Amino acid sequence: MATAIGIAVTARFNPGNVVLFYPPHRIDLSLNFFVVLEVLLFMLVYALVRTFYATTSMPARVAAYRARKRERDGNKGLRDALKALFEGRFGHAEKAAARAAELPENAGLAALIGARAAHRMREPARRDNWLSTTASDASLKTARLMTVTELLVDDHQPEAALEAVAELNASGTRHIHALQWSMKAHQQAKNWPEVLRLVRSLDKHKALHPALSARLRELAYDALLSDNSHDAESIQRVWATVPAADRIKPYIAAHAATALNARGLHDEARGTVEEALRAEWDDRVVRAYREAAAPAGTPALLAQIENCEQWIKQRPNDAELALTLGSLCLKQKLWGKAQRYLEQALSDASEPRMVRESHLKLAQMHEALGQHDEAAAHFRQCALASIL
C-alpha cells in the first residue's frame, strides 16, 4: 500500500519525458510510461532467462532427484533390514538388504546383514555369496572377518573360523570379541591348550563370567588329563605346564590325581592331593587320595594315615574322610581303626556310592579276619545298595 501511494504521488508530479529519435522516426514518451516499460522489459527478459536456465538444467535436476530417491530408498531398505533381522524375520531382512545394497554406500553393510539373515535360514550358499561381495571393501575388513568367524563357529566349522581369526590377527586387530570367538572355535576344534591360553587372557580383561571361566578350565583340563594316549612321562609333562594357581583347584587336582593314579604315579598323585587339600577341602580330592594309597607297610602309607587322622580331628563328621582313613587302615591291617572309621563312614554316608563302598570294605575286613558271617552280611548289604 505504501509503495502504491509513493508511485502514484511521484508519477503525478513528474513532468519529465523521454524522446526516442531514429531518423526519420521520433517517439515521445512520458518518463513514467518509460519507467513502466523498462520494468516490464526487465521482467520479460528475466522470465526468458529463467526459462532457458530451467530447460538446460532439467536433466541434472532429474538426475539429482533420482539420486536422492535412490538414497532414500536405500537408507529405508537398510533400516528395514536391521529391524527385520532383530525381529527374527530373516526372509524379510534379506529382501530388504537386497534393496539397501542398490545404494553403493550401503552395499557393504547390507551384505553383512544379508549374510546373517541367510545364515539364520540355513542357506550357506547365499550366505557365502553375500560375504564375497564385501571382500574387496577394505573399510569393512574387520567387520567381515568378525562376521565370518561368528557364523562359521555357529555352523561348527572351526577350521575355517580359525583361518578368519588368523587373517584378522594378521591385520593387527585384536579385541575382546575376537578373542571370545577364537576361544569358541578352538573349543570346537578341541585345541585345549589354546582354549586355556585364551581363557586366561579373557580373565585378565574380565571378559568372562567366573562360572563360565571355571567351567571352561574344567573341560579343558579334563580333556587334557583324560587323554588315553598319554603315558606316565607325557602326563607328567602336561601336568608340569599347569600354572600353580590352577593346580590347587579341587576339580583340576582331582582329575590330575586320577590320571596320575591310572599310570602308576601314586607318589605324584598323593603330593598333588595334599597340596590341593591344604588350599581347599573337597570330597573329590579326598576320594582321589584314597585311590592313591601307598603299598602296605611303607612309610608313605603310614604318612597318609597320619595325615588323615589329623584332618579327621578337624572334620569329625566327614564321611568321605572317614571312609578314606578306614580304607587306608584296612590296607595297613589296622583292624580296629579300620572297623571304627568304616562304620563311622557308613553311619554318616549320604550317597549310595559311599554306602556300597563302606559295606564292601567292611566285608573285606571281616573276610580277612575269618569272620565269614559278618562278611556275608556286609556283602548282602553292598549288593542291596547297588540295586537301590
Protein backbone atom coordinates (compact mmCIF):
# COMPACT_ATOMS: atom_id res chain seq x y z
CA MET A 1 0.00 0.00 0.00
CA ALA A 2 2.81 2.44 0.88
CA THR A 3 4.63 1.57 -2.37
CA ALA A 4 1.48 2.19 -4.43
CA ILE A 5 0.87 5.56 -2.78
CA GLY A 6 4.52 6.56 -3.33
CA ILE A 7 4.42 5.63 -7.01
CA ALA A 8 1.11 7.47 -7.56
CA VAL A 9 2.35 10.67 -5.91
CA THR A 10 5.72 10.56 -7.69
CA ALA A 11 4.16 9.86 -11.08
CA ARG A 12 1.58 12.67 -10.67
CA PHE A 13 4.15 15.34 -10.06
CA ASN A 14 6.72 14.05 -12.59
CA PRO A 15 6.60 16.29 -15.72
CA GLY A 16 9.62 14.64 -17.41
CA ASN A 17 9.50 12.94 -20.81
CA VAL A 18 11.72 10.68 -22.92
CA VAL A 19 12.36 11.13 -26.63
CA LEU A 20 13.45 8.20 -28.80
CA PHE A 21 14.76 9.59 -32.11
CA TYR A 22 15.80 7.42 -35.03
CA PRO A 23 15.56 9.41 -38.30
CA PRO A 24 13.12 9.78 -39.71
CA HIS A 25 11.21 8.39 -36.72
CA ARG A 26 10.63 10.08 -33.40
CA ILE A 27 8.84 8.69 -30.37
CA ASP A 28 7.90 10.84 -27.38
CA LEU A 29 7.16 9.07 -24.09
CA SER A 30 6.41 10.33 -20.66
CA LEU A 31 9.03 9.42 -18.13
CA ASN A 32 6.51 7.47 -16.09
CA PHE A 33 5.47 5.34 -19.05
CA PHE A 34 9.13 4.77 -19.97
CA VAL A 35 9.85 3.52 -16.45
CA VAL A 36 6.90 1.15 -16.63
CA LEU A 37 8.12 -0.17 -19.99
CA GLU A 38 11.62 -0.70 -18.57
CA VAL A 39 10.23 -2.69 -15.65
CA LEU A 40 8.08 -4.81 -17.93
CA LEU A 41 11.03 -5.41 -20.27
CA PHE A 42 13.23 -6.46 -17.37
CA MET A 43 10.57 -8.88 -16.13
CA LEU A 44 10.22 -10.36 -19.61
CA VAL A 45 13.96 -10.81 -20.06
CA TYR A 46 14.25 -12.30 -16.57
CA ALA A 47 11.44 -14.76 -17.31
CA LEU A 48 13.10 -15.78 -20.57
CA VAL A 49 16.47 -16.30 -18.85
CA ARG A 50 14.91 -18.33 -16.07
CA THR A 51 13.02 -20.43 -18.58
CA PHE A 52 16.21 -21.09 -20.53
CA TYR A 53 18.13 -21.99 -17.37
CA ALA A 54 15.36 -24.28 -16.15
CA THR A 55 15.26 -26.02 -19.51
CA THR A 56 19.02 -26.57 -19.71
CA SER A 57 19.31 -27.72 -16.07
CA MET A 58 16.37 -30.12 -16.24
CA PRO A 59 18.47 -33.30 -16.88
CA ALA A 60 20.77 -32.51 -13.95
CA ARG A 61 17.80 -31.84 -11.67
CA VAL A 62 16.14 -35.08 -12.76
CA ALA A 63 19.37 -36.99 -12.10
CA ALA A 64 19.72 -35.36 -8.66
CA TYR A 65 16.11 -36.19 -7.84
CA ARG A 66 16.63 -39.79 -8.83
CA ALA A 67 19.82 -39.96 -6.75
CA ARG A 68 18.01 -38.55 -3.73
CA LYS A 69 15.17 -41.00 -4.22
CA ARG A 70 17.63 -43.90 -4.57
CA GLU A 71 19.39 -42.76 -1.40
CA ARG A 72 16.09 -42.52 0.49
CA ASP A 73 15.05 -45.96 -0.72
CA GLY A 74 18.46 -47.44 0.09
CA ASN A 75 18.52 -46.00 3.59
CA LYS A 76 14.95 -47.13 4.20
CA GLY A 77 15.89 -50.61 3.00
CA LEU A 78 18.86 -50.66 5.39
CA ARG A 79 16.63 -49.62 8.30
CA ASP A 80 14.02 -52.21 7.34
CA ALA A 81 16.71 -54.91 7.06
CA LEU A 82 18.06 -54.18 10.54
CA LYS A 83 14.57 -54.08 12.03
CA ALA A 84 13.58 -57.37 10.41
CA LEU A 85 16.87 -59.01 11.47
CA PHE A 86 16.33 -58.03 15.11
CA GLU A 87 12.71 -59.19 14.88
CA GLY A 88 13.81 -62.60 13.63
CA ARG A 89 12.07 -62.17 10.25
CA PHE A 90 15.13 -63.29 8.30
CA GLY A 91 13.44 -63.63 4.91
CA HIS A 92 12.23 -60.02 5.06
CA ALA A 93 15.66 -58.96 6.31
CA GLU A 94 17.41 -60.50 3.31
CA LYS A 95 14.98 -58.91 0.85
CA ALA A 96 15.36 -55.51 2.49
CA ALA A 97 19.14 -55.94 2.44
CA ALA A 98 18.97 -56.55 -1.30
CA ARG A 99 17.12 -53.25 -1.72
CA ALA A 100 19.61 -51.46 0.52
CA ALA A 101 22.54 -52.88 -1.46
CA GLU A 102 21.40 -50.94 -4.53
CA LEU A 103 22.89 -47.85 -2.89
CA PRO A 104 26.70 -48.17 -3.19
CA GLU A 105 27.30 -46.50 0.17
CA ASN A 106 25.13 -49.13 1.90
CA ALA A 107 26.19 -52.15 -0.14
CA GLY A 108 28.79 -53.45 2.32
CA LEU A 109 26.67 -53.21 5.45
CA ALA A 110 23.65 -54.55 3.62
CA ALA A 111 25.71 -57.57 2.52
CA LEU A 112 26.68 -58.33 6.13
CA ILE A 113 23.03 -58.11 7.19
CA GLY A 114 22.00 -60.32 4.27
CA ALA A 115 24.71 -62.86 5.20
CA ARG A 116 23.45 -63.06 8.78
CA ALA A 117 19.86 -63.44 7.62
CA ALA A 118 20.77 -66.18 5.14
CA HIS A 119 22.80 -67.97 7.82
CA ARG A 120 19.83 -67.98 10.19
CA MET A 121 17.74 -69.55 7.44
CA ARG A 122 20.41 -72.26 6.96
CA GLU A 123 21.32 -71.11 3.46
CA PRO A 124 25.15 -71.35 3.43
CA ALA A 125 25.46 -70.76 -0.33
CA ARG A 126 23.56 -67.46 -0.16
CA ARG A 127 25.45 -66.52 3.00
CA ASP A 128 28.82 -67.05 1.31
CA ASN A 129 27.64 -65.14 -1.75
CA TRP A 130 26.71 -62.15 0.41
CA LEU A 131 30.06 -62.26 2.18
CA SER A 132 32.01 -62.49 -1.07
CA THR A 133 30.60 -59.15 -2.20
CA THR A 134 32.36 -57.40 0.71
CA ALA A 135 35.79 -58.98 0.16
CA SER A 136 37.08 -56.00 -1.82
CA ASP A 137 35.91 -53.36 0.68
CA ALA A 138 38.93 -52.57 2.87
CA SER A 139 36.87 -50.40 5.23
CA LEU A 140 34.70 -53.41 6.14
CA LYS A 141 37.53 -55.95 6.51
CA THR A 142 37.31 -56.20 10.29
CA ALA A 143 33.50 -56.34 10.27
CA ARG A 144 33.55 -59.00 7.54
CA LEU A 145 36.10 -61.19 9.32
CA MET A 146 34.29 -60.92 12.64
CA THR A 147 31.02 -61.86 10.93
CA VAL A 148 32.68 -64.77 9.13
CA THR A 149 34.20 -66.04 12.38
CA GLU A 150 30.92 -65.85 14.27
CA LEU A 151 28.86 -67.51 11.55
CA LEU A 152 31.37 -70.31 10.94
CA VAL A 153 31.66 -71.07 14.65
CA ASP A 154 27.87 -71.21 14.83
CA ASP A 155 27.96 -73.55 11.82
CA HIS A 156 30.54 -75.78 13.56
CA GLN A 157 33.32 -75.13 11.06
CA PRO A 158 36.17 -74.36 13.49
CA GLU A 159 39.00 -74.74 10.97
CA ALA A 160 37.52 -72.16 8.60
CA ALA A 161 36.68 -69.89 11.52
CA LEU A 162 40.26 -70.06 12.76
CA GLU A 163 41.50 -69.07 9.31
CA ALA A 164 39.38 -65.92 9.55
CA VAL A 165 40.75 -65.27 13.03
CA ALA A 166 44.31 -65.66 11.75
CA GLU A 167 43.61 -63.17 8.96
CA LEU A 168 42.10 -60.79 11.49
CA ASN A 169 45.13 -61.09 13.76
CA ALA A 170 47.48 -60.59 10.82
CA SER A 171 45.89 -57.20 10.19
CA GLY A 172 46.83 -56.15 13.71
CA THR A 173 43.25 -56.10 15.01
CA ARG A 174 42.92 -57.67 18.45
CA HIS A 175 39.91 -57.05 20.64
CA ILE A 176 37.90 -58.88 23.25
CA HIS A 177 35.09 -60.06 20.99
CA ALA A 178 37.59 -61.59 18.57
CA LEU A 179 39.26 -63.45 21.44
CA GLN A 180 35.90 -64.81 22.59
CA TRP A 181 35.00 -66.21 19.17
CA SER A 182 38.52 -67.53 18.73
CA MET A 183 38.17 -69.37 22.04
CA LYS A 184 34.89 -70.93 20.89
CA ALA A 185 36.47 -72.03 17.62
CA HIS A 186 39.41 -73.65 19.43
CA GLN A 187 36.96 -75.32 21.80
CA GLN A 188 35.09 -76.86 18.86
CA ALA A 189 38.42 -77.93 17.35
CA LYS A 190 39.35 -79.46 20.75
CA ASN A 191 42.55 -77.43 20.85
CA TRP A 192 42.53 -77.35 24.63
CA PRO A 193 45.93 -75.71 25.30
CA GLU A 194 44.88 -72.74 23.19
CA VAL A 195 41.49 -72.66 24.92
CA LEU A 196 43.26 -72.39 28.27
CA ARG A 197 45.51 -69.61 26.98
CA LEU A 198 42.55 -67.62 25.69
CA VAL A 199 40.57 -68.18 28.91
CA ARG A 200 43.46 -66.76 30.92
CA SER A 201 43.72 -63.81 28.55
CA LEU A 202 39.99 -63.11 28.76
CA ASP A 203 40.07 -63.42 32.54
CA LYS A 204 42.67 -60.66 32.66
CA HIS A 205 40.22 -58.38 30.83
CA LYS A 206 37.30 -59.62 32.98
CA ALA A 207 35.52 -60.63 29.79
CA LEU A 208 34.26 -63.99 31.10
CA HIS A 209 31.85 -64.74 33.90
CA PRO A 210 33.73 -66.54 36.70
CA ALA A 211 31.40 -69.54 36.47
CA LEU A 212 31.96 -69.84 32.71
CA SER A 213 35.70 -69.43 33.13
CA ALA A 214 35.80 -72.16 35.75
CA ARG A 215 33.71 -74.49 33.60
CA LEU A 216 35.91 -73.95 30.53
CA ARG A 217 39.03 -74.65 32.57
CA GLU A 218 37.45 -77.80 33.95
CA LEU A 219 36.54 -79.02 30.45
CA ALA A 220 39.99 -78.23 29.10
CA TYR A 221 41.92 -79.88 31.93
CA ASP A 222 39.57 -82.86 31.94
CA ALA A 223 40.21 -83.37 28.22
CA LEU A 224 43.97 -82.87 28.55
CA LEU A 225 44.40 -85.13 31.56
CA SER A 226 41.93 -87.81 30.43
CA ASP A 227 43.62 -88.35 27.08
CA ASN A 228 44.33 -92.09 26.91
CA SER A 229 47.26 -91.53 24.58
CA HIS A 230 49.35 -90.18 27.48
CA ASP A 231 51.88 -92.40 29.15
CA ALA A 232 53.48 -91.72 32.53
CA GLU A 233 56.11 -89.39 31.08
CA SER A 234 53.77 -87.35 28.86
CA ILE A 235 51.15 -86.92 31.61
CA GLN A 236 53.86 -85.51 33.85
CA ARG A 237 54.85 -83.05 31.12
CA VAL A 238 51.24 -81.96 30.75
CA TRP A 239 50.85 -81.54 34.50
CA ALA A 240 54.06 -79.52 34.68
CA THR A 241 52.59 -76.93 32.29
CA VAL A 242 49.60 -76.25 34.58
CA PRO A 243 50.01 -72.96 36.50
CA ALA A 244 50.37 -73.23 40.26
CA ALA A 245 47.13 -71.30 40.79
CA ASP A 246 45.21 -73.93 38.81
CA ARG A 247 46.96 -76.97 40.31
CA ILE A 248 45.32 -76.42 43.70
CA LYS A 249 41.78 -76.07 42.38
CA PRO A 250 39.77 -79.11 43.55
CA TYR A 251 38.36 -80.28 40.22
CA ILE A 252 41.75 -79.94 38.50
CA ALA A 253 43.62 -81.65 41.32
CA ALA A 254 41.08 -84.49 41.36
CA HIS A 255 41.38 -85.03 37.58
CA ALA A 256 45.15 -84.89 37.79
CA ALA A 257 45.32 -87.37 40.68
CA THR A 258 43.04 -89.77 38.81
CA ALA A 259 45.22 -89.52 35.70
CA LEU A 260 48.43 -89.97 37.71
CA ASN A 261 46.99 -92.94 39.59
CA ALA A 262 45.91 -94.58 36.34
CA ARG A 263 49.54 -94.50 35.16
CA GLY A 264 51.02 -95.76 38.41
CA LEU A 265 52.32 -92.38 39.57
CA HIS A 266 50.88 -92.67 43.06
CA ASP A 267 53.57 -90.60 44.76
CA GLU A 268 52.89 -87.67 42.43
CA ALA A 269 49.14 -88.14 42.90
CA ARG A 270 49.46 -88.03 46.69
CA GLY A 271 51.59 -84.88 46.53
CA THR A 272 49.05 -83.23 44.24
CA VAL A 273 46.15 -84.11 46.52
CA GLU A 274 47.86 -82.97 49.70
CA GLU A 275 48.76 -79.64 48.13
CA ALA A 276 45.18 -79.11 46.95
CA LEU A 277 43.65 -80.08 50.30
CA ARG A 278 45.85 -77.59 52.09
CA ALA A 279 44.36 -74.87 49.88
CA GLU A 280 40.71 -76.03 49.81
CA TRP A 281 38.85 -79.04 51.15
CA ASP A 282 36.87 -81.08 48.64
CA ASP A 283 35.42 -84.61 48.75
CA ARG A 284 36.55 -85.35 45.18
CA VAL A 285 40.14 -84.71 46.16
CA VAL A 286 39.79 -86.84 49.29
CA ARG A 287 38.47 -89.68 47.15
CA ALA A 288 41.49 -89.34 44.87
CA TYR A 289 43.72 -89.50 47.96
CA ARG A 290 42.14 -92.85 48.85
CA GLU A 291 42.80 -94.15 45.35
CA ALA A 292 46.45 -93.07 45.63
CA ALA A 293 47.10 -95.30 48.66
CA ALA A 294 50.69 -96.38 49.00
CA PRO A 295 51.66 -100.07 49.33
CA ALA A 296 51.05 -101.72 52.71
CA GLY A 297 53.80 -101.39 55.24
CA THR A 298 55.51 -98.44 53.55
CA PRO A 299 56.30 -95.14 55.25
CA ALA A 300 54.21 -93.41 52.61
CA LEU A 301 51.06 -95.30 53.69
CA LEU A 302 51.75 -94.53 57.35
CA ALA A 303 52.17 -90.86 56.44
CA GLN A 304 48.80 -90.97 54.67
CA ILE A 305 47.13 -92.45 57.73
CA GLU A 306 48.74 -89.83 59.94
CA ASN A 307 47.54 -87.02 57.64
CA CYS A 308 44.00 -88.37 57.65
CA GLU A 309 43.99 -88.67 61.45
CA GLN A 310 44.99 -85.01 61.69
CA TRP A 311 42.29 -83.99 59.22
CA ILE A 312 39.54 -86.02 60.89
CA LYS A 313 40.12 -84.17 64.16
CA GLN A 314 39.12 -81.02 62.30
CA ARG A 315 36.26 -82.71 60.39
CA PRO A 316 34.90 -85.45 62.65
CA ASN A 317 31.67 -85.89 60.64
CA ASP A 318 33.22 -86.05 57.19
CA ALA A 319 32.04 -89.40 55.78
CA GLU A 320 34.40 -89.30 52.77
CA LEU A 321 37.39 -88.70 55.02
CA ALA A 322 36.29 -91.45 57.43
CA LEU A 323 35.94 -93.87 54.51
CA THR A 324 39.40 -92.91 53.26
CA LEU A 325 41.00 -93.32 56.66
CA GLY A 326 39.22 -96.65 57.19
CA SER A 327 40.38 -97.90 53.79
CA LEU A 328 43.98 -96.90 54.49
CA CYS A 329 43.88 -98.58 57.90
CA LEU A 330 42.42 -101.70 56.28
CA LYS A 331 45.31 -101.79 53.82
CA GLN A 332 47.78 -101.43 56.71
CA LYS A 333 45.84 -104.18 58.59
CA LEU A 334 44.99 -101.91 61.49
CA TRP A 335 41.77 -103.81 62.02
CA GLY A 336 40.37 -101.89 64.99
CA LYS A 337 40.87 -98.48 63.45
CA ALA A 338 39.67 -99.72 60.10
CA GLN A 339 36.40 -101.03 61.57
CA ARG A 340 35.79 -97.90 63.63
CA TYR A 341 36.26 -95.47 60.76
CA LEU A 342 34.44 -97.60 58.19
CA GLU A 343 31.43 -97.91 60.47
CA GLN A 344 31.58 -94.16 61.06
CA ALA A 345 31.62 -93.59 57.32
CA LEU A 346 28.66 -95.95 56.95
CA SER A 347 26.63 -94.09 59.56
CA ASP A 348 27.44 -90.66 58.11
CA ALA A 349 27.21 -91.63 54.44
CA SER A 350 24.64 -89.71 52.41
CA GLU A 351 25.34 -91.16 48.96
CA PRO A 352 24.60 -94.72 47.75
CA ARG A 353 28.14 -94.89 46.38
CA MET A 354 29.63 -94.38 49.83
CA VAL A 355 27.23 -96.87 51.41
CA ARG A 356 28.23 -99.54 48.88
CA GLU A 357 31.94 -98.89 49.32
CA SER A 358 31.73 -98.86 53.12
CA HIS A 359 29.89 -102.21 53.18
CA LEU A 360 32.39 -103.65 50.69
CA LYS A 361 35.39 -102.57 52.77
CA LEU A 362 33.83 -103.93 55.95
CA ALA A 363 33.06 -107.21 54.20
CA GLN A 364 36.68 -107.47 53.05
CA MET A 365 37.91 -106.74 56.55
CA HIS A 366 35.71 -109.40 58.17
CA GLU A 367 36.66 -111.89 55.48
CA ALA A 368 40.35 -111.23 56.15
CA LEU A 369 39.71 -111.85 59.86
CA GLY A 370 37.85 -115.11 59.13
CA GLN A 371 34.51 -113.68 60.26
CA HIS A 372 32.55 -115.11 57.38
CA ASP A 373 29.04 -114.46 58.70
CA GLU A 374 29.72 -110.74 59.22
CA ALA A 375 31.45 -110.61 55.84
CA ALA A 376 28.46 -112.24 54.12
CA ALA A 377 26.09 -109.78 55.79
CA HIS A 378 28.06 -106.81 54.53
CA PHE A 379 28.32 -108.33 51.05
CA ARG A 380 24.50 -108.66 51.00
CA GLN A 381 24.09 -105.05 52.12
CA CYS A 382 26.52 -103.95 49.43
CA ALA A 383 24.53 -105.82 46.79
CA LEU A 384 21.24 -104.35 48.02
CA ALA A 385 22.73 -100.85 47.96
CA SER A 386 23.84 -101.46 44.37
CA ILE A 387 20.30 -102.48 43.39
CA LEU A 388 18.72 -99.50 45.12
